[in-house]
Amino acid sequence: MDPKFAHLLQGKCPKENGKAKRVNLNSVMANKLEHQYFKNLRKKMDLLSSDQALVGSPLTASAVAKYVKHATLWAEDYASAMVQMGSIDVLTKNEGEI
């Protein structure tokens, strides 16, 4: 994680009162889903190590770079993935449980 970003996040966390405080997982574009996520990854401005692994892995780093450069491609791939996920059968009752 970028040290300046970590310091910013630490400033948002409670220091003494013990009450949990929430921060958005995507602090740059908190209420919008877009390819900015991939830009944040490359800047190490993400909270989850599983997300940062996308940049560190040779298997996925090229996809991150591609989506940083081509926002339209990301949007098309994302839409296609959502359509595909919509066809996944949900297992219920004796077949499975959610």
N, C-alpha and C. Protein backbone atom coordinates (compact mmCIF):
# COMPACT_ATOMS: atom_id res chain seq x y z
N MET A 1 0.85 -1.17 0.00
CA MET A 1 0.00 0.00 0.00
C MET A 1 0.89 1.23 0.00
N ASP A 2 0.48 2.23 -0.74
CA ASP A 2 1.19 3.49 -0.78
C ASP A 2 1.23 4.09 0.63
N PRO A 3 2.42 4.48 1.13
CA PRO A 3 2.52 4.99 2.50
C PRO A 3 1.66 6.23 2.76
N LYS A 4 1.57 7.14 1.79
CA LYS A 4 0.74 8.34 1.97
C LYS A 4 -0.74 7.96 2.05
N PHE A 5 -1.14 7.00 1.25
CA PHE A 5 -2.51 6.52 1.29
C PHE A 5 -2.81 5.85 2.63
N ALA A 6 -1.86 5.05 3.11
CA ALA A 6 -2.02 4.39 4.41
C ALA A 6 -2.17 5.42 5.53
N HIS A 7 -1.37 6.48 5.47
CA HIS A 7 -1.45 7.54 6.48
C HIS A 7 -2.81 8.23 6.43
N LEU A 8 -3.31 8.49 5.23
CA LEU A 8 -4.64 9.09 5.06
C LEU A 8 -5.71 8.21 5.70
N LEU A 9 -5.64 6.91 5.45
CA LEU A 9 -6.63 5.99 6.01
C LEU A 9 -6.53 5.91 7.53
N GLN A 10 -5.29 5.92 8.04
CA GLN A 10 -5.11 5.87 9.50
C GLN A 10 -5.74 7.08 10.17
N GLY A 11 -5.73 8.21 9.49
CA GLY A 11 -6.35 9.41 10.03
C GLY A 11 -7.86 9.31 10.11
N LYS A 12 -8.45 8.41 9.34
CA LYS A 12 -9.90 8.21 9.36
C LYS A 12 -10.33 7.20 10.42
N CYS A 13 -9.40 6.50 11.01
CA CYS A 13 -9.72 5.47 12.00
C CYS A 13 -9.74 6.06 13.40
N PRO A 14 -10.59 5.55 14.27
CA PRO A 14 -10.64 6.06 15.64
C PRO A 14 -9.35 5.72 16.39
N LYS A 15 -8.93 6.62 17.25
CA LYS A 15 -7.70 6.40 17.98
C LYS A 15 -7.94 6.00 19.44
N GLU A 16 -9.03 6.49 20.05
CA GLU A 16 -9.23 6.23 21.47
C GLU A 16 -10.59 5.69 21.84
N ASN A 17 -11.65 6.10 21.18
CA ASN A 17 -12.98 5.77 21.67
C ASN A 17 -13.41 4.34 21.40
N GLY A 18 -12.68 3.60 20.59
CA GLY A 18 -12.95 2.19 20.38
C GLY A 18 -14.12 1.88 19.47
N LYS A 19 -14.85 2.88 19.01
CA LYS A 19 -15.96 2.64 18.10
C LYS A 19 -15.42 2.39 16.70
N ALA A 20 -16.00 1.40 16.04
CA ALA A 20 -15.58 1.07 14.68
C ALA A 20 -16.04 2.17 13.73
N LYS A 21 -15.17 2.53 12.83
CA LYS A 21 -15.50 3.51 11.81
C LYS A 21 -15.26 2.87 10.45
N ARG A 22 -16.15 3.12 9.52
CA ARG A 22 -16.05 2.49 8.20
C ARG A 22 -15.42 3.46 7.21
N VAL A 23 -14.63 2.88 6.31
CA VAL A 23 -14.12 3.63 5.17
C VAL A 23 -14.48 2.84 3.92
N ASN A 24 -14.65 3.54 2.83
CA ASN A 24 -14.97 2.89 1.57
C ASN A 24 -13.78 2.08 1.07
N LEU A 25 -14.06 0.95 0.46
CA LEU A 25 -12.98 0.14 -0.12
C LEU A 25 -12.31 0.87 -1.27
N ASN A 26 -13.06 1.64 -2.01
CA ASN A 26 -12.52 2.43 -3.10
C ASN A 26 -12.67 3.89 -2.71
N SER A 27 -11.66 4.46 -2.11
CA SER A 27 -11.79 5.80 -1.54
C SER A 27 -11.75 6.90 -2.58
N VAL A 28 -11.27 6.63 -3.77
CA VAL A 28 -11.20 7.67 -4.80
C VAL A 28 -12.55 7.83 -5.49
N MET A 29 -13.17 6.73 -5.88
CA MET A 29 -14.46 6.76 -6.55
C MET A 29 -15.43 5.89 -5.74
N ALA A 30 -15.75 6.33 -4.55
CA ALA A 30 -16.47 5.49 -3.60
C ALA A 30 -17.86 5.05 -4.06
N ASN A 31 -18.54 5.86 -4.80
CA ASN A 31 -19.92 5.52 -5.16
C ASN A 31 -20.11 5.27 -6.64
N LYS A 32 -19.04 4.96 -7.32
CA LYS A 32 -19.12 4.75 -8.76
C LYS A 32 -18.24 3.57 -9.15
N LEU A 33 -18.81 2.67 -9.91
CA LEU A 33 -18.07 1.50 -10.37
C LEU A 33 -17.51 1.81 -11.76
N GLU A 34 -16.20 1.90 -11.87
CA GLU A 34 -15.59 2.19 -13.15
C GLU A 34 -14.15 1.70 -13.17
N HIS A 35 -13.48 1.95 -14.25
CA HIS A 35 -12.12 1.45 -14.40
C HIS A 35 -11.11 2.18 -13.54
N GLN A 36 -11.53 3.22 -12.81
CA GLN A 36 -10.63 3.92 -11.89
C GLN A 36 -10.04 2.94 -10.87
N TYR A 37 -10.77 1.90 -10.57
CA TYR A 37 -10.31 0.85 -9.67
C TYR A 37 -8.93 0.35 -10.10
N PHE A 38 -8.76 0.13 -11.39
CA PHE A 38 -7.49 -0.40 -11.90
C PHE A 38 -6.38 0.64 -11.82
N LYS A 39 -6.73 1.90 -12.01
CA LYS A 39 -5.75 2.98 -11.83
C LYS A 39 -5.28 3.02 -10.38
N ASN A 40 -6.24 2.87 -9.46
CA ASN A 40 -5.90 2.86 -8.04
C ASN A 40 -4.97 1.70 -7.70
N LEU A 41 -5.20 0.54 -8.30
CA LEU A 41 -4.34 -0.60 -8.06
C LEU A 41 -2.90 -0.30 -8.43
N ARG A 42 -2.72 0.31 -9.58
CA ARG A 42 -1.36 0.61 -10.03
C ARG A 42 -0.67 1.64 -9.15
N LYS A 43 -1.46 2.47 -8.47
CA LYS A 43 -0.91 3.48 -7.55
C LYS A 43 -0.79 2.94 -6.12
N LYS A 44 -1.18 1.67 -5.94
CA LYS A 44 -1.19 1.03 -4.62
C LYS A 44 -2.13 1.74 -3.66
N MET A 45 -3.26 2.19 -4.19
CA MET A 45 -4.27 2.88 -3.39
C MET A 45 -5.48 1.97 -3.26
N ASP A 46 -5.29 0.85 -2.61
CA ASP A 46 -6.36 -0.10 -2.38
C ASP A 46 -6.20 -0.67 -0.98
N LEU A 47 -7.28 -1.19 -0.45
CA LEU A 47 -7.26 -1.67 0.93
C LEU A 47 -6.95 -3.15 1.06
N LEU A 48 -7.33 -3.93 0.08
CA LEU A 48 -7.27 -5.38 0.20
C LEU A 48 -6.02 -5.94 -0.49
N SER A 49 -5.31 -6.78 0.22
CA SER A 49 -4.13 -7.40 -0.38
C SER A 49 -4.50 -8.30 -1.56
N SER A 50 -5.72 -8.84 -1.53
CA SER A 50 -6.17 -9.66 -2.65
C SER A 50 -6.30 -8.81 -3.92
N ASP A 51 -6.70 -7.56 -3.77
CA ASP A 51 -6.77 -6.67 -4.92
C ASP A 51 -5.37 -6.34 -5.42
N GLN A 52 -4.47 -6.02 -4.52
CA GLN A 52 -3.10 -5.67 -4.91
C GLN A 52 -2.40 -6.85 -5.59
N ALA A 53 -2.80 -8.05 -5.27
CA ALA A 53 -2.22 -9.23 -5.91
C ALA A 53 -2.48 -9.25 -7.41
N LEU A 54 -3.53 -8.57 -7.85
CA LEU A 54 -3.82 -8.49 -9.29
C LEU A 54 -2.70 -7.79 -10.04
N VAL A 55 -2.07 -6.82 -9.42
CA VAL A 55 -0.97 -6.09 -10.04
C VAL A 55 0.33 -6.89 -9.93
N GLY A 56 0.47 -7.62 -8.84
CA GLY A 56 1.71 -8.33 -8.59
C GLY A 56 1.84 -9.66 -9.31
N SER A 57 0.76 -10.18 -9.81
CA SER A 57 0.80 -11.48 -10.48
C SER A 57 1.01 -11.32 -11.98
N PRO A 58 1.94 -12.05 -12.56
CA PRO A 58 2.13 -11.99 -14.01
C PRO A 58 0.89 -12.45 -14.77
N LEU A 59 0.06 -13.26 -14.14
CA LEU A 59 -1.15 -13.76 -14.79
C LEU A 59 -2.22 -12.68 -14.96
N THR A 60 -2.23 -11.69 -14.07
CA THR A 60 -3.30 -10.68 -14.11
C THR A 60 -2.81 -9.25 -14.30
N ALA A 61 -1.53 -9.00 -14.14
CA ALA A 61 -1.00 -7.63 -14.27
C ALA A 61 -1.27 -7.05 -15.66
N SER A 62 -1.21 -7.88 -16.68
CA SER A 62 -1.47 -7.37 -18.04
C SER A 62 -2.93 -6.94 -18.19
N ALA A 63 -3.85 -7.64 -17.54
CA ALA A 63 -5.26 -7.25 -17.59
C ALA A 63 -5.46 -5.91 -16.90
N VAL A 64 -4.80 -5.70 -15.77
CA VAL A 64 -4.88 -4.42 -15.07
C VAL A 64 -4.39 -3.31 -15.98
N ALA A 65 -3.24 -3.50 -16.61
CA ALA A 65 -2.68 -2.49 -17.51
C ALA A 65 -3.62 -2.21 -18.68
N LYS A 66 -4.22 -3.25 -19.21
CA LYS A 66 -5.13 -3.10 -20.35
C LYS A 66 -6.36 -2.28 -19.95
N TYR A 67 -6.92 -2.55 -18.77
CA TYR A 67 -8.11 -1.84 -18.35
C TYR A 67 -7.82 -0.39 -17.94
N VAL A 68 -6.60 -0.13 -17.48
CA VAL A 68 -6.22 1.25 -17.19
C VAL A 68 -6.26 2.08 -18.47
N LYS A 69 -5.78 1.50 -19.55
CA LYS A 69 -5.68 2.22 -20.83
C LYS A 69 -7.00 2.26 -21.60
N HIS A 70 -7.85 1.26 -21.40
CA HIS A 70 -9.04 1.12 -22.23
C HIS A 70 -10.30 0.99 -21.37
N ALA A 71 -10.84 2.12 -20.96
CA ALA A 71 -12.03 2.13 -20.09
C ALA A 71 -13.22 1.47 -20.78
N THR A 72 -13.36 1.68 -22.06
CA THR A 72 -14.50 1.09 -22.78
C THR A 72 -14.41 -0.42 -22.80
N LEU A 73 -13.21 -0.95 -22.98
CA LEU A 73 -13.02 -2.40 -22.96
C LEU A 73 -13.41 -2.96 -21.60
N TRP A 74 -12.99 -2.28 -20.53
CA TRP A 74 -13.37 -2.75 -19.20
C TRP A 74 -14.89 -2.78 -19.06
N ALA A 75 -15.56 -1.71 -19.48
CA ALA A 75 -17.02 -1.65 -19.35
C ALA A 75 -17.69 -2.78 -20.14
N GLU A 76 -17.20 -3.06 -21.34
CA GLU A 76 -17.76 -4.14 -22.16
C GLU A 76 -17.53 -5.50 -21.51
N ASP A 77 -16.31 -5.73 -21.01
CA ASP A 77 -16.00 -7.01 -20.36
C ASP A 77 -16.80 -7.18 -19.07
N TYR A 78 -16.97 -6.10 -18.33
CA TYR A 78 -17.73 -6.16 -17.10
C TYR A 78 -19.20 -6.50 -17.39
N ALA A 79 -19.76 -5.83 -18.37
CA ALA A 79 -21.16 -6.10 -18.74
C ALA A 79 -21.33 -7.55 -19.18
N SER A 80 -20.40 -8.05 -19.96
CA SER A 80 -20.47 -9.43 -20.43
C SER A 80 -20.39 -10.41 -19.25
N ALA A 81 -19.51 -10.11 -18.30
CA ALA A 81 -19.38 -10.98 -17.12
C ALA A 81 -20.66 -10.99 -16.29
N MET A 82 -21.30 -9.84 -16.16
CA MET A 82 -22.56 -9.77 -15.40
C MET A 82 -23.66 -10.57 -16.08
N VAL A 83 -23.72 -10.52 -17.40
CA VAL A 83 -24.71 -11.32 -18.13
C VAL A 83 -24.44 -12.80 -17.90
N GLN A 84 -23.18 -13.20 -17.99
CA GLN A 84 -22.82 -14.60 -17.77
C GLN A 84 -23.17 -15.04 -16.35
N MET A 85 -22.90 -14.19 -15.37
CA MET A 85 -23.20 -14.54 -13.98
C MET A 85 -24.71 -14.67 -13.77
N GLY A 86 -25.48 -13.94 -14.55
CA GLY A 86 -26.93 -14.02 -14.44
C GLY A 86 -27.47 -15.38 -14.83
N SER A 87 -26.69 -16.14 -15.56
CA SER A 87 -27.15 -17.47 -15.98
C SER A 87 -26.73 -18.58 -15.02
N ILE A 88 -26.04 -18.22 -13.96
CA ILE A 88 -25.62 -19.21 -12.97
C ILE A 88 -26.86 -19.63 -12.17
N ASP A 89 -27.10 -20.91 -12.11
CA ASP A 89 -28.23 -21.41 -11.34
C ASP A 89 -27.93 -21.33 -9.85
N VAL A 90 -28.86 -20.80 -9.12
CA VAL A 90 -28.73 -20.73 -7.67
C VAL A 90 -29.24 -22.03 -7.09
N LEU A 91 -28.43 -22.64 -6.26
CA LEU A 91 -28.84 -23.89 -5.60
C LEU A 91 -29.58 -23.56 -4.32
N THR A 92 -30.75 -24.15 -4.17
CA THR A 92 -31.55 -23.89 -2.98
C THR A 92 -32.03 -25.19 -2.37
N LYS A 93 -32.50 -25.10 -1.15
CA LYS A 93 -33.04 -26.22 -0.38
C LYS A 93 -32.11 -27.44 -0.39
N ASN A 94 -32.56 -28.58 -0.90
CA ASN A 94 -31.76 -29.80 -0.85
C ASN A 94 -30.56 -29.77 -1.81
N GLU A 95 -30.60 -28.92 -2.81
CA GLU A 95 -29.49 -28.83 -3.77
C GLU A 95 -28.34 -27.98 -3.26
N GLY A 96 -28.62 -27.12 -2.33
CA GLY A 96 -27.60 -26.22 -1.81
C GLY A 96 -28.25 -25.17 -0.94
N GLU A 97 -27.47 -24.30 -0.37
CA GLU A 97 -28.02 -23.28 0.52
C GLU A 97 -27.20 -22.03 0.39
N ILE A 98 -27.86 -20.92 0.42
CA ILE A 98 -27.18 -19.63 0.35
C ILE A 98 -27.23 -18.99 1.72
